Amino acid sequence: FRAHGVTEYALVDYEIADVNIQSVKAWASGVTGVKAKGSKETKANVAKAVEMTLGLSDIKNNAGGDITDAIGVAIVYLKRIGAID
C-alpha cells in the first residue's frame, strides 16, 4: 500500500487510468491464441504476448513476471487511447 500511495502522490498532477488485469489477460490471449489457465500460465502468456508485440525474442523478466505485466498494461492502455494499433 505504501508503494501505491507514493506513486499516487508522485503523480498527483497527472490523470491516472485504471487498466484491469482481465483486459491484459484477454489481450494476451488474443495475441498468442492461447487461453491460459492458472496464474503461472497466464504470466507466461502475457510475457509471450509482450515479446510478440514488441518483436523481441527474450525480455529479461523478474521471477514474478512483474516487468512484462507492467509492459502489458502499458500496451493495453496505449491501444485503448488509440496511440498504437
PDB file of N, CA and C in Angstrom:
ATOM      1  N   PHE A   1       0.815  -1.185   0.000  1.00  0.00           N
ATOM      2  CA  PHE A   1       0.000   0.000   0.000  1.00  0.00           C
ATOM      3  C   PHE A   1       0.863   1.255   0.000  1.00  0.00           C
ATOM      4  N   ARG A   2       2.006   1.182   0.651  1.00  0.00           N
ATOM      5  CA  ARG A   2       2.877   2.349   0.678  1.00  0.00           C
ATOM      6  C   ARG A   2       3.345   2.706  -0.726  1.00  0.00           C
ATOM      7  N   ALA A   3       3.750   1.695  -1.492  1.00  0.00           N
ATOM      8  CA  ALA A   3       4.217   1.962  -2.849  1.00  0.00           C
ATOM      9  C   ALA A   3       3.110   2.579  -3.685  1.00  0.00           C
ATOM     10  N   HIS A   4       1.891   2.086  -3.507  1.00  0.00           N
ATOM     11  CA  HIS A   4       0.743   2.627  -4.236  1.00  0.00           C
ATOM     12  C   HIS A   4       0.524   4.093  -3.849  1.00  0.00           C
ATOM     13  N   GLY A   5       0.577   4.385  -2.568  1.00  0.00           N
ATOM     14  CA  GLY A   5       0.386   5.752  -2.080  1.00  0.00           C
ATOM     15  C   GLY A   5       1.466   6.692  -2.564  1.00  0.00           C
ATOM     16  N   VAL A   6       2.696   6.253  -2.544  1.00  0.00           N
ATOM     17  CA  VAL A   6       3.811   7.072  -3.019  1.00  0.00           C
ATOM     18  C   VAL A   6       3.655   7.357  -4.510  1.00  0.00           C
ATOM     19  N   THR A   7       3.242   6.354  -5.259  1.00  0.00           N
ATOM     20  CA  THR A   7       3.037   6.534  -6.697  1.00  0.00           C
ATOM     21  C   THR A   7       1.935   7.553  -6.951  1.00  0.00           C
ATOM     22  N   GLU A   8       0.820   7.418  -6.244  1.00  0.00           N
ATOM     23  CA  GLU A   8      -0.273   8.379  -6.427  1.00  0.00           C
ATOM     24  C   GLU A   8       0.161   9.792  -6.029  1.00  0.00           C
ATOM     25  N   TYR A   9       0.939   9.915  -4.970  1.00  0.00           N
ATOM     26  CA  TYR A   9       1.436  11.218  -4.551  1.00  0.00           C
ATOM     27  C   TYR A   9       2.350  11.823  -5.621  1.00  0.00           C
ATOM     28  N   ALA A  10       3.248  11.004  -6.168  1.00  0.00           N
ATOM     29  CA  ALA A  10       4.180  11.484  -7.181  1.00  0.00           C
ATOM     30  C   ALA A  10       3.473  11.877  -8.471  1.00  0.00           C
ATOM     31  N   LEU A  11       2.336  11.255  -8.741  1.00  0.00           N
ATOM     32  CA  LEU A  11       1.613  11.513  -9.984  1.00  0.00           C
ATOM     33  C   LEU A  11       0.364  12.356  -9.771  1.00  0.00           C
ATOM     34  N   VAL A  12       0.309  13.105  -8.674  1.00  0.00           N
ATOM     35  CA  VAL A  12      -0.883  13.859  -8.319  1.00  0.00           C
ATOM     36  C   VAL A  12      -1.322  14.825  -9.423  1.00  0.00           C
ATOM     37  N   ASP A  13      -0.411  15.346 -10.196  1.00  0.00           N
ATOM     38  CA  ASP A  13      -0.744  16.301 -11.259  1.00  0.00           C
ATOM     39  C   ASP A  13      -1.117  15.630 -12.580  1.00  0.00           C
ATOM     40  N   TYR A  14      -1.152  14.302 -12.587  1.00  0.00           N
ATOM     41  CA  TYR A  14      -1.447  13.552 -13.806  1.00  0.00           C
ATOM     42  C   TYR A  14      -2.719  12.734 -13.626  1.00  0.00           C
ATOM     43  N   GLU A  15      -3.384  12.489 -14.744  1.00  0.00           N
ATOM     44  CA  GLU A  15      -4.549  11.609 -14.708  1.00  0.00           C
ATOM     45  C   GLU A  15      -4.050  10.170 -14.600  1.00  0.00           C
ATOM     46  N   ILE A  16      -4.605   9.417 -13.691  1.00  0.00           N
ATOM     47  CA  ILE A  16      -4.232   8.015 -13.535  1.00  0.00           C
ATOM     48  C   ILE A  16      -5.355   7.170 -14.120  1.00  0.00           C
ATOM     49  N   ALA A  17      -5.018   6.347 -15.092  1.00  0.00           N
ATOM     50  CA  ALA A  17      -6.011   5.486 -15.740  1.00  0.00           C
ATOM     51  C   ALA A  17      -5.895   4.079 -15.178  1.00  0.00           C
ATOM     52  N   ASP A  18      -7.026   3.454 -14.972  1.00  0.00           N
ATOM     53  CA  ASP A  18      -7.040   2.079 -14.498  1.00  0.00           C
ATOM     54  C   ASP A  18      -7.091   1.128 -15.686  1.00  0.00           C
ATOM     55  N   VAL A  19      -6.274   0.114 -15.636  1.00  0.00           N
ATOM     56  CA  VAL A  19      -6.303  -0.947 -16.638  1.00  0.00           C
ATOM     57  C   VAL A  19      -6.513  -2.245 -15.870  1.00  0.00           C
ATOM     58  N   ASN A  20      -7.640  -2.859 -16.072  1.00  0.00           N
ATOM     59  CA  ASN A  20      -7.997  -4.096 -15.392  1.00  0.00           C
ATOM     60  C   ASN A  20      -7.106  -5.231 -15.884  1.00  0.00           C
ATOM     61  N   ILE A  21      -6.603  -6.045 -14.977  1.00  0.00           N
ATOM     62  CA  ILE A  21      -5.718  -7.143 -15.359  1.00  0.00           C
ATOM     63  C   ILE A  21      -6.426  -8.137 -16.280  1.00  0.00           C
ATOM     64  N   GLN A  22      -7.751  -8.236 -16.159  1.00  0.00           N
ATOM     65  CA  GLN A  22      -8.503  -9.117 -17.068  1.00  0.00           C
ATOM     66  C   GLN A  22      -8.380  -8.632 -18.511  1.00  0.00           C
ATOM     67  N   SER A  23      -8.293  -7.309 -18.698  1.00  0.00           N
ATOM     68  CA  SER A  23      -8.095  -6.752 -20.035  1.00  0.00           C
ATOM     69  C   SER A  23      -6.737  -7.159 -20.593  1.00  0.00           C
ATOM     70  N   VAL A  24      -5.743  -7.180 -19.724  1.00  0.00           N
ATOM     71  CA  VAL A  24      -4.395  -7.572 -20.145  1.00  0.00           C
ATOM     72  C   VAL A  24      -4.374  -9.055 -20.500  1.00  0.00           C
ATOM     73  N   LYS A  25      -5.025  -9.878 -19.685  1.00  0.00           N
ATOM     74  CA  LYS A  25      -5.094 -11.314 -19.967  1.00  0.00           C
ATOM     75  C   LYS A  25      -5.812 -11.582 -21.290  1.00  0.00           C
ATOM     76  N   ALA A  26      -6.916 -10.868 -21.528  1.00  0.00           N
ATOM     77  CA  ALA A  26      -7.675 -11.038 -22.774  1.00  0.00           C
ATOM     78  C   ALA A  26      -6.843 -10.597 -23.969  1.00  0.00           C
ATOM     79  N   TRP A  27      -6.138  -9.484 -23.829  1.00  0.00           N
ATOM     80  CA  TRP A  27      -5.260  -9.010 -24.902  1.00  0.00           C
ATOM     81  C   TRP A  27      -4.183 -10.061 -25.199  1.00  0.00           C
ATOM     82  N   ALA A  28      -3.558 -10.597 -24.154  1.00  0.00           N
ATOM     83  CA  ALA A  28      -2.502 -11.596 -24.330  1.00  0.00           C
ATOM     84  C   ALA A  28      -3.038 -12.827 -25.039  1.00  0.00           C
ATOM     85  N   SER A  29      -4.223 -13.275 -24.659  1.00  0.00           N
ATOM     86  CA  SER A  29      -4.833 -14.440 -25.320  1.00  0.00           C
ATOM     87  C   SER A  29      -5.082 -14.164 -26.788  1.00  0.00           C
ATOM     88  N   GLY A  30      -5.508 -12.944 -27.097  1.00  0.00           N
ATOM     89  CA  GLY A  30      -5.740 -12.570 -28.487  1.00  0.00           C
ATOM     90  C   GLY A  30      -4.466 -12.544 -29.310  1.00  0.00           C
ATOM     91  N   VAL A  31      -3.394 -12.103 -28.701  1.00  0.00           N
ATOM     92  CA  VAL A  31      -2.105 -12.029 -29.404  1.00  0.00           C
ATOM     93  C   VAL A  31      -1.518 -13.418 -29.622  1.00  0.00           C
ATOM     94  N   THR A  32      -1.530 -14.240 -28.580  1.00  0.00           N
ATOM     95  CA  THR A  32      -0.864 -15.543 -28.652  1.00  0.00           C
ATOM     96  C   THR A  32      -1.757 -16.651 -29.176  1.00  0.00           C
ATOM     97  N   GLY A  33      -3.071 -16.452 -29.067  1.00  0.00           N
ATOM     98  CA  GLY A  33      -4.009 -17.508 -29.447  1.00  0.00           C
ATOM     99  C   GLY A  33      -4.146 -18.583 -28.387  1.00  0.00           C
ATOM    100  N   VAL A  34      -3.629 -18.308 -27.190  1.00  0.00           N
ATOM    101  CA  VAL A  34      -3.662 -19.278 -26.092  1.00  0.00           C
ATOM    102  C   VAL A  34      -4.555 -18.746 -24.978  1.00  0.00           C
ATOM    103  N   LYS A  35      -5.517 -19.544 -24.547  1.00  0.00           N
ATOM    104  CA  LYS A  35      -6.346 -19.174 -23.398  1.00  0.00           C
ATOM    105  C   LYS A  35      -5.703 -19.801 -22.163  1.00  0.00           C
ATOM    106  N   ALA A  36      -4.902 -19.009 -21.474  1.00  0.00           N
ATOM    107  CA  ALA A  36      -4.132 -19.502 -20.337  1.00  0.00           C
ATOM    108  C   ALA A  36      -5.027 -19.787 -19.144  1.00  0.00           C
ATOM    109  N   LYS A  37      -4.626 -20.782 -18.366  1.00  0.00           N
ATOM    110  CA  LYS A  37      -5.329 -21.140 -17.126  1.00  0.00           C
ATOM    111  C   LYS A  37      -4.318 -21.129 -15.995  1.00  0.00           C
ATOM    112  N   GLY A  38      -4.691 -20.553 -14.907  1.00  0.00           N
ATOM    113  CA  GLY A  38      -3.806 -20.516 -13.752  1.00  0.00           C
ATOM    114  C   GLY A  38      -2.849 -19.344 -13.829  1.00  0.00           C
ATOM    115  N   SER A  39      -2.399 -18.914 -12.670  1.00  0.00           N
ATOM    116  CA  SER A  39      -1.549 -17.733 -12.545  1.00  0.00           C
ATOM    117  C   SER A  39      -0.232 -17.852 -13.305  1.00  0.00           C
ATOM    118  N   LYS A  40       0.447 -18.984 -13.134  1.00  0.00           N
ATOM    119  CA  LYS A  40       1.757 -19.174 -13.752  1.00  0.00           C
ATOM    120  C   LYS A  40       1.642 -19.180 -15.283  1.00  0.00           C
ATOM    121  N   GLU A  41       0.653 -19.887 -15.790  1.00  0.00           N
ATOM    122  CA  GLU A  41       0.442 -19.972 -17.233  1.00  0.00           C
ATOM    123  C   GLU A  41       0.032 -18.609 -17.804  1.00  0.00           C
ATOM    124  N   THR A  42      -0.786 -17.863 -17.057  1.00  0.00           N
ATOM    125  CA  THR A  42      -1.220 -16.549 -17.505  1.00  0.00           C
ATOM    126  C   THR A  42      -0.044 -15.588 -17.577  1.00  0.00           C
ATOM    127  N   LYS A  43       0.821 -15.607 -16.573  1.00  0.00           N
ATOM    128  CA  LYS A  43       2.010 -14.741 -16.586  1.00  0.00           C
ATOM    129  C   LYS A  43       2.896 -15.059 -17.781  1.00  0.00           C
ATOM    130  N   ALA A  44       3.070 -16.341 -18.079  1.00  0.00           N
ATOM    131  CA  ALA A  44       3.881 -16.744 -19.232  1.00  0.00           C
ATOM    132  C   ALA A  44       3.226 -16.284 -20.532  1.00  0.00           C
ATOM    133  N   ASN A  45       1.900 -16.337 -20.590  1.00  0.00           N
ATOM    134  CA  ASN A  45       1.182 -15.914 -21.783  1.00  0.00           C
ATOM    135  C   ASN A  45       1.309 -14.402 -22.008  1.00  0.00           C
ATOM    136  N   VAL A  46       1.217 -13.621 -20.935  1.00  0.00           N
ATOM    137  CA  VAL A  46       1.399 -12.177 -21.044  1.00  0.00           C
ATOM    138  C   VAL A  46       2.829 -11.871 -21.507  1.00  0.00           C
ATOM    139  N   ALA A  47       3.805 -12.559 -20.936  1.00  0.00           N
ATOM    140  CA  ALA A  47       5.200 -12.350 -21.339  1.00  0.00           C
ATOM    141  C   ALA A  47       5.384 -12.658 -22.817  1.00  0.00           C
ATOM    142  N   LYS A  48       4.801 -13.750 -23.293  1.00  0.00           N
ATOM    143  CA  LYS A  48       4.905 -14.126 -24.703  1.00  0.00           C
ATOM    144  C   LYS A  48       4.234 -13.081 -25.594  1.00  0.00           C
ATOM    145  N   ALA A  49       3.071 -12.580 -25.184  1.00  0.00           N
ATOM    146  CA  ALA A  49       2.357 -11.565 -25.966  1.00  0.00           C
ATOM    147  C   ALA A  49       3.166 -10.273 -26.050  1.00  0.00           C
ATOM    148  N   VAL A  50       3.803  -9.889 -24.951  1.00  0.00           N
ATOM    149  CA  VAL A  50       4.649  -8.692 -24.957  1.00  0.00           C
ATOM    150  C   VAL A  50       5.810  -8.887 -25.924  1.00  0.00           C
ATOM    151  N   GLU A  51       6.471 -10.035 -25.848  1.00  0.00           N
ATOM    152  CA  GLU A  51       7.581 -10.323 -26.760  1.00  0.00           C
ATOM    153  C   GLU A  51       7.121 -10.284 -28.212  1.00  0.00           C
ATOM    154  N   MET A  52       5.973 -10.882 -28.499  1.00  0.00           N
ATOM    155  CA  MET A  52       5.454 -10.913 -29.866  1.00  0.00           C
ATOM    156  C   MET A  52       5.106  -9.503 -30.351  1.00  0.00           C
ATOM    157  N   THR A  53       4.471  -8.724 -29.493  1.00  0.00           N
ATOM    158  CA  THR A  53       4.060  -7.375 -29.853  1.00  0.00           C
ATOM    159  C   THR A  53       5.254  -6.472 -30.110  1.00  0.00           C
ATOM    160  N   LEU A  54       6.276  -6.605 -29.288  1.00  0.00           N
ATOM    161  CA  LEU A  54       7.455  -5.749 -29.424  1.00  0.00           C
ATOM    162  C   LEU A  54       8.496  -6.318 -30.385  1.00  0.00           C
ATOM    163  N   GLY A  55       8.260  -7.523 -30.883  1.00  0.00           N
ATOM    164  CA  GLY A  55       9.209  -8.139 -31.807  1.00  0.00           C
ATOM    165  C   GLY A  55      10.523  -8.523 -31.147  1.00  0.00           C
ATOM    166  N   LEU A  56      10.450  -8.886 -29.883  1.00  0.00           N
ATOM    167  CA  LEU A  56      11.642  -9.281 -29.133  1.00  0.00           C
ATOM    168  C   LEU A  56      11.592 -10.776 -28.864  1.00  0.00           C
ATOM    169  N   SER A  57      12.758 -11.377 -28.735  1.00  0.00           N
ATOM    170  CA  SER A  57      12.782 -12.817 -28.529  1.00  0.00           C
ATOM    171  C   SER A  57      12.924 -13.216 -27.062  1.00  0.00           C
ATOM    172  N   ASP A  58      13.492 -12.348 -26.240  1.00  0.00           N
ATOM    173  CA  ASP A  58      13.691 -12.736 -24.849  1.00  0.00           C
ATOM    174  C   ASP A  58      13.813 -11.492 -23.979  1.00  0.00           C
ATOM    175  N   ILE A  59      12.708 -11.093 -23.353  1.00  0.00           N
ATOM    176  CA  ILE A  59      12.739  -9.950 -22.449  1.00  0.00           C
ATOM    177  C   ILE A  59      13.224 -10.423 -21.091  1.00  0.00           C
ATOM    178  N   LYS A  60      14.149  -9.696 -20.515  1.00  0.00           N
ATOM    179  CA  LYS A  60      14.613 -10.011 -19.161  1.00  0.00           C
ATOM    180  C   LYS A  60      13.472  -9.683 -18.212  1.00  0.00           C
ATOM    181  N   ASN A  61      12.985 -10.672 -17.498  1.00  0.00           N
ATOM    182  CA  ASN A  61      11.836 -10.517 -16.621  1.00  0.00           C
ATOM    183  C   ASN A  61      12.212 -10.938 -15.212  1.00  0.00           C
ATOM    184  N   ASN A  62      11.538 -10.391 -14.222  1.00  0.00           N
ATOM    185  CA  ASN A  62      11.794 -10.867 -12.870  1.00  0.00           C
ATOM    186  C   ASN A  62      11.009 -12.156 -12.629  1.00  0.00           C
ATOM    187  N   ALA A  63      11.293 -12.822 -11.545  1.00  0.00           N
ATOM    188  CA  ALA A  63      10.691 -14.139 -11.273  1.00  0.00           C
ATOM    189  C   ALA A  63       9.168 -14.090 -11.214  1.00  0.00           C
ATOM    190  N   GLY A  64       8.605 -12.984 -10.752  1.00  0.00           N
ATOM    191  CA  GLY A  64       7.158 -12.874 -10.641  1.00  0.00           C
ATOM    192  C   GLY A  64       6.461 -12.436 -11.910  1.00  0.00           C
ATOM    193  N   GLY A  65       7.223 -12.105 -12.933  1.00  0.00           N
ATOM    194  CA  GLY A  65       6.628 -11.662 -14.185  1.00  0.00           C
ATOM    195  C   GLY A  65       6.109 -10.241 -14.142  1.00  0.00           C
ATOM    196  N   ASP A  66       6.519  -9.469 -13.147  1.00  0.00           N
ATOM    197  CA  ASP A  66       6.002  -8.116 -12.985  1.00  0.00           C
ATOM    198  C   ASP A  66       6.412  -7.174 -14.112  1.00  0.00           C
ATOM    199  N   ILE A  67       7.584  -7.375 -14.671  1.00  0.00           N
ATOM    200  CA  ILE A  67       8.068  -6.487 -15.729  1.00  0.00           C
ATOM    201  C   ILE A  67       7.187  -6.615 -16.964  1.00  0.00           C
ATOM    202  N   THR A  68       6.954  -7.826 -17.434  1.00  0.00           N
ATOM    203  CA  THR A  68       6.116  -7.985 -18.622  1.00  0.00           C
ATOM    204  C   THR A  68       4.653  -7.685 -18.309  1.00  0.00           C
ATOM    205  N   ASP A  69       4.208  -7.891 -17.074  1.00  0.00           N
ATOM    206  CA  ASP A  69       2.854  -7.485 -16.698  1.00  0.00           C
ATOM    207  C   ASP A  69       2.707  -5.972 -16.864  1.00  0.00           C
ATOM    208  N   ALA A  70       3.683  -5.216 -16.379  1.00  0.00           N
ATOM    209  CA  ALA A  70       3.635  -3.751 -16.473  1.00  0.00           C
ATOM    210  C   ALA A  70       3.670  -3.298 -17.932  1.00  0.00           C
ATOM    211  N   ILE A  71       4.499  -3.937 -18.737  1.00  0.00           N
ATOM    212  CA  ILE A  71       4.561  -3.590 -20.161  1.00  0.00           C
ATOM    213  C   ILE A  71       3.230  -3.936 -20.824  1.00  0.00           C
ATOM    214  N   GLY A  72       2.642  -5.060 -20.454  1.00  0.00           N
ATOM    215  CA  GLY A  72       1.337  -5.448 -20.984  1.00  0.00           C
ATOM    216  C   GLY A  72       0.268  -4.427 -20.642  1.00  0.00           C
ATOM    217  N   VAL A  73       0.281  -3.934 -19.414  1.00  0.00           N
ATOM    218  CA  VAL A  73      -0.675  -2.892 -19.004  1.00  0.00           C
ATOM    219  C   VAL A  73      -0.483  -1.649 -19.875  1.00  0.00           C
ATOM    220  N   ALA A  74       0.771  -1.250 -20.084  1.00  0.00           N
ATOM    221  CA  ALA A  74       1.045  -0.067 -20.908  1.00  0.00           C
ATOM    222  C   ALA A  74       0.549  -0.262 -22.339  1.00  0.00           C
ATOM    223  N   ILE A  75       0.775  -1.436 -22.896  1.00  0.00           N
ATOM    224  CA  ILE A  75       0.332  -1.714 -24.266  1.00  0.00           C
ATOM    225  C   ILE A  75      -1.195  -1.652 -24.358  1.00  0.00           C
ATOM    226  N   VAL A  76      -1.890  -2.270 -23.422  1.00  0.00           N
ATOM    227  CA  VAL A  76      -3.358  -2.255 -23.423  1.00  0.00           C
ATOM    228  C   VAL A  76      -3.864  -0.818 -23.298  1.00  0.00           C
ATOM    229  N   TYR A  77      -3.250  -0.040 -22.439  1.00  0.00           N
ATOM    230  CA  TYR A  77      -3.649   1.363 -22.275  1.00  0.00           C
ATOM    231  C   TYR A  77      -3.424   2.143 -23.569  1.00  0.00           C
ATOM    232  N   LEU A  78      -2.268   1.985 -24.171  1.00  0.00           N
ATOM    233  CA  LEU A  78      -1.972   2.707 -25.416  1.00  0.00           C
ATOM    234  C   LEU A  78      -2.911   2.305 -26.541  1.00  0.00           C
ATOM    235  N   LYS A  79      -3.301   1.042 -26.582  1.00  0.00           N
ATOM    236  CA  LYS A  79      -4.291   0.585 -27.559  1.00  0.00           C
ATOM    237  C   LYS A  79      -5.653   1.221 -27.265  1.00  0.00           C
ATOM    238  N   ARG A  80      -6.011   1.280 -25.999  1.00  0.00           N
ATOM    239  CA  ARG A  80      -7.310   1.833 -25.599  1.00  0.00           C
ATOM    240  C   ARG A  80      -7.456   3.290 -26.037  1.00  0.00           C
ATOM    241  N   ILE A  81      -6.386   4.083 -25.900  1.00  0.00           N
ATOM    242  CA  ILE A  81      -6.477   5.504 -26.255  1.00  0.00           C
ATOM    243  C   ILE A  81      -6.157   5.745 -27.728  1.00  0.00           C
ATOM    244  N   GLY A  82      -5.867   4.680 -28.464  1.00  0.00           N
ATOM    245  CA  GLY A  82      -5.622   4.809 -29.898  1.00  0.00           C
ATOM    246  C   GLY A  82      -4.236   5.279 -30.282  1.00  0.00           C
ATOM    247  N   ALA A  83      -3.300   5.217 -29.322  1.00  0.00           N
ATOM    248  CA  ALA A  83      -1.931   5.645 -29.615  1.00  0.00           C
ATOM    249  C   ALA A  83      -1.150   4.623 -30.423  1.00  0.00           C
ATOM    250  N   ILE A  84      -1.551   3.341 -30.321  1.00  0.00           N
ATOM    251  CA  ILE A  84      -0.946   2.275 -31.113  1.00  0.00           C
ATOM    252  C   ILE A  84      -2.047   1.343 -31.587  1.00  0.00           C
ATOM    253  N   ASP A  85      -1.730   0.560 -32.610  1.00  0.00           N
ATOM    254  CA  ASP A  85      -2.703  -0.417 -33.126  1.00  0.00           C
ATOM    255  C   ASP A  85      -2.543  -1.749 -32.463  1.00  0.00           C
TER     256      ASP A  85
END
